[in-house]
């Protein structure tokens, strides 16, 4: 997967504000949560993005 495609895939779930929310909007370290309105494509995107986010937190390396 090309870098641009990976970025697009990881951000797709955020393309509709009805699909995600934050528990604490002031917490910059928090990863958003999905709503039940998110379609399967957004869930796939979310899972991919969360994996990248967790890897970045663990290693400090941007993927």
PDB file of N, CA and C in Angstrom:
ATOM      1  N   UNK A   1       0.859  -1.172   0.000  1.00  0.00           N
ATOM      2  CA  UNK A   1       0.000   0.000   0.000  1.00  0.00           C
ATOM      3  C   UNK A   1       0.906   1.236   0.000  1.00  0.00           C
ATOM      4  N   UNK A   2       0.610   2.159  -0.871  1.00  0.00           N
ATOM      5  CA  UNK A   2       1.371   3.403  -0.957  1.00  0.00           C
ATOM      6  C   UNK A   2       1.062   4.272   0.262  1.00  0.00           C
ATOM      7  N   UNK A   3       1.974   5.154   0.609  1.00  0.00           N
ATOM      8  CA  UNK A   3       1.815   5.994   1.803  1.00  0.00           C
ATOM      9  C   UNK A   3       0.533   6.825   1.749  1.00  0.00           C
ATOM     10  N   UNK A   4       0.215   7.420   0.596  1.00  0.00           N
ATOM     11  CA  UNK A   4      -1.009   8.211   0.457  1.00  0.00           C
ATOM     12  C   UNK A   4      -2.256   7.369   0.648  1.00  0.00           C
ATOM     13  N   UNK A   5      -2.227   6.147   0.125  1.00  0.00           N
ATOM     14  CA  UNK A   5      -3.361   5.241   0.298  1.00  0.00           C
ATOM     15  C   UNK A   5      -3.526   4.857   1.767  1.00  0.00           C
ATOM     16  N   UNK A   6      -2.415   4.633   2.446  1.00  0.00           N
ATOM     17  CA  UNK A   6      -2.466   4.281   3.868  1.00  0.00           C
ATOM     18  C   UNK A   6      -3.036   5.435   4.680  1.00  0.00           C
ATOM     19  N   UNK A   7      -2.629   6.653   4.356  1.00  0.00           N
ATOM     20  CA  UNK A   7      -3.155   7.817   5.067  1.00  0.00           C
ATOM     21  C   UNK A   7      -4.647   7.963   4.822  1.00  0.00           C
ATOM     22  N   UNK A   8      -5.054   7.802   3.570  1.00  0.00           N
ATOM     23  CA  UNK A   8      -6.480   7.906   3.237  1.00  0.00           C
ATOM     24  C   UNK A   8      -7.282   6.831   3.974  1.00  0.00           C
ATOM     25  N   UNK A   9      -6.766   5.606   3.985  1.00  0.00           N
ATOM     26  CA  UNK A   9      -7.466   4.514   4.672  1.00  0.00           C
ATOM     27  C   UNK A   9      -7.563   4.785   6.169  1.00  0.00           C
ATOM     28  N   UNK A  10      -6.493   5.295   6.755  1.00  0.00           N
ATOM     29  CA  UNK A  10      -6.497   5.503   8.203  1.00  0.00           C
ATOM     30  C   UNK A  10      -7.369   6.674   8.634  1.00  0.00           C
ATOM     31  N   UNK A  11      -7.664   7.598   7.731  1.00  0.00           N
ATOM     32  CA  UNK A  11      -8.451   8.776   8.093  1.00  0.00           C
ATOM     33  C   UNK A  11      -9.902   8.704   7.617  1.00  0.00           C
ATOM     34  N   UNK A  12     -10.265   7.698   6.862  1.00  0.00           N
ATOM     35  CA  UNK A  12     -11.615   7.614   6.307  1.00  0.00           C
ATOM     36  C   UNK A  12     -12.689   7.685   7.385  1.00  0.00           C
ATOM     37  N   UNK A  13     -12.487   7.010   8.502  1.00  0.00           N
ATOM     38  CA  UNK A  13     -13.524   6.987   9.546  1.00  0.00           C
ATOM     39  C   UNK A  13     -13.815   8.377  10.108  1.00  0.00           C
ATOM     40  N   UNK A  14     -12.892   9.312   9.917  1.00  0.00           N
ATOM     41  CA  UNK A  14     -13.098  10.675  10.416  1.00  0.00           C
ATOM     42  C   UNK A  14     -13.729  11.583   9.361  1.00  0.00           C
ATOM     43  N   UNK A  15     -14.091  11.027   8.215  1.00  0.00           N
ATOM     44  CA  UNK A  15     -14.676  11.848   7.149  1.00  0.00           C
ATOM     45  C   UNK A  15     -16.118  12.240   7.436  1.00  0.00           C
ATOM     46  N   UNK A  16     -16.731  11.607   8.413  1.00  0.00           N
ATOM     47  CA  UNK A  16     -18.099  11.956   8.802  1.00  0.00           C
ATOM     48  C   UNK A  16     -18.146  12.086  10.324  1.00  0.00           C
ATOM     49  N   UNK A  17     -18.423  13.286  10.843  1.00  0.00           N
ATOM     50  CA  UNK A  17     -18.424  13.477  12.295  1.00  0.00           C
ATOM     51  C   UNK A  17     -19.469  12.645  13.041  1.00  0.00           C
ATOM     52  N   UNK A  18     -20.428  12.077  12.333  1.00  0.00           N
ATOM     53  CA  UNK A  18     -21.417  11.207  12.979  1.00  0.00           C
ATOM     54  C   UNK A  18     -20.850   9.821  13.277  1.00  0.00           C
ATOM     55  N   UNK A  19     -19.667   9.522  12.773  1.00  0.00           N
ATOM     56  CA  UNK A  19     -19.081   8.194  12.932  1.00  0.00           C
ATOM     57  C   UNK A  19     -18.144   8.073  14.125  1.00  0.00           C
ATOM     58  N   UNK A  20     -17.718   9.188  14.706  1.00  0.00           N
ATOM     59  CA  UNK A  20     -16.753   9.116  15.799  1.00  0.00           C
ATOM     60  C   UNK A  20     -16.999  10.217  16.821  1.00  0.00           C
ATOM     61  N   UNK A  21     -16.412  10.048  17.999  1.00  0.00           N
ATOM     62  CA  UNK A  21     -16.504  11.056  19.061  1.00  0.00           C
ATOM     63  C   UNK A  21     -15.314  10.883  20.003  1.00  0.00           C
ATOM     64  N   UNK A  22     -15.099  11.881  20.825  1.00  0.00           N
ATOM     65  CA  UNK A  22     -14.053  11.850  21.843  1.00  0.00           C
ATOM     66  C   UNK A  22     -14.708  11.868  23.218  1.00  0.00           C
ATOM     67  N   UNK A  23     -14.176  11.085  24.140  1.00  0.00           N
ATOM     68  CA  UNK A  23     -14.676  11.120  25.516  1.00  0.00           C
ATOM     69  C   UNK A  23     -14.300  12.438  26.176  1.00  0.00           C
ATOM     70  N   UNK A  24     -13.089  12.908  25.897  1.00  0.00           N
ATOM     71  CA  UNK A  24     -12.599  14.168  26.458  1.00  0.00           C
ATOM     72  C   UNK A  24     -11.956  14.963  25.330  1.00  0.00           C
ATOM     73  N   UNK A  25     -12.645  15.961  24.816  1.00  0.00           N
ATOM     74  CA  UNK A  25     -12.151  16.723  23.671  1.00  0.00           C
ATOM     75  C   UNK A  25     -10.897  17.526  23.986  1.00  0.00           C
ATOM     76  N   UNK A  26     -10.547  17.675  25.257  1.00  0.00           N
ATOM     77  CA  UNK A  26      -9.344  18.415  25.636  1.00  0.00           C
ATOM     78  C   UNK A  26      -8.110  17.523  25.753  1.00  0.00           C
ATOM     79  N   UNK A  27      -8.278  16.223  25.620  1.00  0.00           N
ATOM     80  CA  UNK A  27      -7.176  15.274  25.749  1.00  0.00           C
ATOM     81  C   UNK A  27      -6.577  14.992  24.374  1.00  0.00           C
ATOM     82  N   UNK A  28      -5.390  15.545  24.122  1.00  0.00           N
ATOM     83  CA  UNK A  28      -4.734  15.381  22.823  1.00  0.00           C
ATOM     84  C   UNK A  28      -4.157  13.984  22.615  1.00  0.00           C
ATOM     85  N   UNK A  29      -4.009  13.213  23.676  1.00  0.00           N
ATOM     86  CA  UNK A  29      -3.419  11.882  23.582  1.00  0.00           C
ATOM     87  C   UNK A  29      -4.456  10.783  23.366  1.00  0.00           C
ATOM     88  N   UNK A  30      -5.708  11.137  23.349  1.00  0.00           N
ATOM     89  CA  UNK A  30      -6.783  10.155  23.268  1.00  0.00           C
ATOM     90  C   UNK A  30      -7.114   9.820  21.802  1.00  0.00           C
ATOM     91  N   UNK A  31      -7.432   8.579  21.559  1.00  0.00           N
ATOM     92  CA  UNK A  31      -7.881   8.166  20.231  1.00  0.00           C
ATOM     93  C   UNK A  31      -9.407   8.205  20.240  1.00  0.00           C
ATOM     94  N   UNK A  32     -10.027   8.691  19.168  1.00  0.00           N
ATOM     95  CA  UNK A  32     -11.492   8.777  19.151  1.00  0.00           C
ATOM     96  C   UNK A  32     -12.142   7.398  19.213  1.00  0.00           C
ATOM     97  N   UNK A  33     -13.412   7.387  19.529  1.00  0.00           N
ATOM     98  CA  UNK A  33     -14.211   6.163  19.571  1.00  0.00           C
ATOM     99  C   UNK A  33     -15.234   6.206  18.447  1.00  0.00           C
ATOM    100  N   UNK A  34     -15.664   5.042  17.990  1.00  0.00           N
ATOM    101  CA  UNK A  34     -16.664   4.974  16.920  1.00  0.00           C
ATOM    102  C   UNK A  34     -18.075   4.992  17.491  1.00  0.00           C
ATOM    103  N   UNK A  35     -18.979   5.551  16.712  1.00  0.00           N
ATOM    104  CA  UNK A  35     -20.396   5.483  17.053  1.00  0.00           C
ATOM    105  C   UNK A  35     -21.006   4.277  16.350  1.00  0.00           C
ATOM    106  N   UNK A  36     -22.229   3.951  16.693  1.00  0.00           N
ATOM    107  CA  UNK A  36     -22.907   2.832  16.034  1.00  0.00           C
ATOM    108  C   UNK A  36     -23.373   3.205  14.629  1.00  0.00           C
ATOM    109  N   UNK A  37     -23.199   4.453  14.233  1.00  0.00           N
ATOM    110  CA  UNK A  37     -23.575   4.897  12.886  1.00  0.00           C
ATOM    111  C   UNK A  37     -22.490   4.615  11.850  1.00  0.00           C
ATOM    112  N   UNK A  38     -21.306   4.241  12.289  1.00  0.00           N
ATOM    113  CA  UNK A  38     -20.186   4.018  11.377  1.00  0.00           C
ATOM    114  C   UNK A  38     -20.440   2.786  10.505  1.00  0.00           C
ATOM    115  N   UNK A  39     -20.309   2.931   9.173  1.00  0.00           N
ATOM    116  CA  UNK A  39     -20.481   1.785   8.282  1.00  0.00           C
ATOM    117  C   UNK A  39     -19.257   0.858   8.348  1.00  0.00           C
ATOM    118  N   UNK A  40     -19.358  -0.329   7.784  1.00  0.00           N
ATOM    119  CA  UNK A  40     -18.243  -1.283   7.837  1.00  0.00           C
ATOM    120  C   UNK A  40     -16.918  -0.719   7.318  1.00  0.00           C
ATOM    121  N   UNK A  41     -16.966   0.111   6.284  1.00  0.00           N
ATOM    122  CA  UNK A  41     -15.736   0.696   5.740  1.00  0.00           C
ATOM    123  C   UNK A  41     -15.073   1.604   6.772  1.00  0.00           C
ATOM    124  N   UNK A  42     -15.882   2.324   7.540  1.00  0.00           N
ATOM    125  CA  UNK A  42     -15.344   3.203   8.581  1.00  0.00           C
ATOM    126  C   UNK A  42     -14.766   2.377   9.730  1.00  0.00           C
ATOM    127  N   UNK A  43     -15.392   1.265  10.049  1.00  0.00           N
ATOM    128  CA  UNK A  43     -14.876   0.383  11.104  1.00  0.00           C
ATOM    129  C   UNK A  43     -13.517  -0.174  10.687  1.00  0.00           C
ATOM    130  N   UNK A  44     -13.394  -0.588   9.438  1.00  0.00           N
ATOM    131  CA  UNK A  44     -12.113  -1.090   8.930  1.00  0.00           C
ATOM    132  C   UNK A  44     -11.049   0.008   9.007  1.00  0.00           C
ATOM    133  N   UNK A  45     -11.408   1.209   8.593  1.00  0.00           N
ATOM    134  CA  UNK A  45     -10.494   2.344   8.654  1.00  0.00           C
ATOM    135  C   UNK A  45     -10.088   2.632  10.093  1.00  0.00           C
ATOM    136  N   UNK A  46     -11.052   2.614  10.992  1.00  0.00           N
ATOM    137  CA  UNK A  46     -10.807   2.880  12.412  1.00  0.00           C
ATOM    138  C   UNK A  46      -9.822   1.858  12.986  1.00  0.00           C
ATOM    139  N   UNK A  47     -10.059   0.596  12.717  1.00  0.00           N
ATOM    140  CA  UNK A  47      -9.183  -0.453  13.241  1.00  0.00           C
ATOM    141  C   UNK A  47      -7.758  -0.289  12.719  1.00  0.00           C
ATOM    142  N   UNK A  48      -7.626   0.064  11.449  1.00  0.00           N
ATOM    143  CA  UNK A  48      -6.315   0.289  10.847  1.00  0.00           C
ATOM    144  C   UNK A  48      -5.636   1.492  11.507  1.00  0.00           C
ATOM    145  N   UNK A  49      -6.370   2.596  11.658  1.00  0.00           N
ATOM    146  CA  UNK A  49      -5.813   3.810  12.255  1.00  0.00           C
ATOM    147  C   UNK A  49      -5.429   3.577  13.716  1.00  0.00           C
ATOM    148  N   UNK A  50      -6.255   2.833  14.439  1.00  0.00           N
ATOM    149  CA  UNK A  50      -5.962   2.572  15.853  1.00  0.00           C
ATOM    150  C   UNK A  50      -4.691   1.742  15.990  1.00  0.00           C
ATOM    151  N   UNK A  51      -4.508   0.786  15.100  1.00  0.00           N
ATOM    152  CA  UNK A  51      -3.292  -0.025  15.109  1.00  0.00           C
ATOM    153  C   UNK A  51      -2.066   0.870  14.895  1.00  0.00           C
ATOM    154  N   UNK A  52      -2.143   1.787  13.930  1.00  0.00           N
ATOM    155  CA  UNK A  52      -1.032   2.706  13.672  1.00  0.00           C
ATOM    156  C   UNK A  52      -0.789   3.621  14.874  1.00  0.00           C
ATOM    157  N   UNK A  53      -1.862   4.117  15.474  1.00  0.00           N
ATOM    158  CA  UNK A  53      -1.770   5.000  16.635  1.00  0.00           C
ATOM    159  C   UNK A  53      -1.079   4.287  17.799  1.00  0.00           C
ATOM    160  N   UNK A  54      -1.492   3.069  18.068  1.00  0.00           N
ATOM    161  CA  UNK A  54      -0.903   2.309  19.173  1.00  0.00           C
ATOM    162  C   UNK A  54       0.561   1.986  18.903  1.00  0.00           C
ATOM    163  N   UNK A  55       0.886   1.683  17.653  1.00  0.00           N
ATOM    164  CA  UNK A  55       2.278   1.408  17.289  1.00  0.00           C
ATOM    165  C   UNK A  55       3.127   2.668  17.468  1.00  0.00           C
ATOM    166  N   UNK A  56       2.587   3.809  17.088  1.00  0.00           N
ATOM    167  CA  UNK A  56       3.304   5.073  17.260  1.00  0.00           C
ATOM    168  C   UNK A  56       3.530   5.373  18.745  1.00  0.00           C
ATOM    169  N   UNK A  57       2.518   5.159  19.573  1.00  0.00           N
ATOM    170  CA  UNK A  57       2.672   5.394  21.012  1.00  0.00           C
ATOM    171  C   UNK A  57       3.726   4.462  21.609  1.00  0.00           C
ATOM    172  N   UNK A  58       3.766   3.237  21.116  1.00  0.00           N
ATOM    173  CA  UNK A  58       4.704   2.244  21.647  1.00  0.00           C
ATOM    174  C   UNK A  58       6.139   2.547  21.225  1.00  0.00           C
ATOM    175  N   UNK A  59       6.332   2.921  19.949  1.00  0.00           N
ATOM    176  CA  UNK A  59       7.683   3.081  19.411  1.00  0.00           C
ATOM    177  C   UNK A  59       8.131   4.531  19.276  1.00  0.00           C
ATOM    178  N   UNK A  60       7.176   5.454  19.186  1.00  0.00           N
ATOM    179  CA  UNK A  60       7.517   6.851  18.932  1.00  0.00           C
ATOM    180  C   UNK A  60       7.778   7.138  17.468  1.00  0.00           C
ATOM    181  N   UNK A  61       7.641   6.120  16.628  1.00  0.00           N
ATOM    182  CA  UNK A  61       7.898   6.263  15.191  1.00  0.00           C
ATOM    183  C   UNK A  61       6.578   6.456  14.462  1.00  0.00           C
ATOM    184  N   UNK A  62       6.537   7.477  13.605  1.00  0.00           N
ATOM    185  CA  UNK A  62       5.353   7.676  12.763  1.00  0.00           C
ATOM    186  C   UNK A  62       5.399   6.678  11.628  1.00  0.00           C
ATOM    187  N   UNK A  63       4.317   5.978  11.440  1.00  0.00           N
ATOM    188  CA  UNK A  63       4.266   4.946  10.393  1.00  0.00           C
ATOM    189  C   UNK A  63       3.555   5.503   9.188  1.00  0.00           C
TER     190      UNK A  63
END
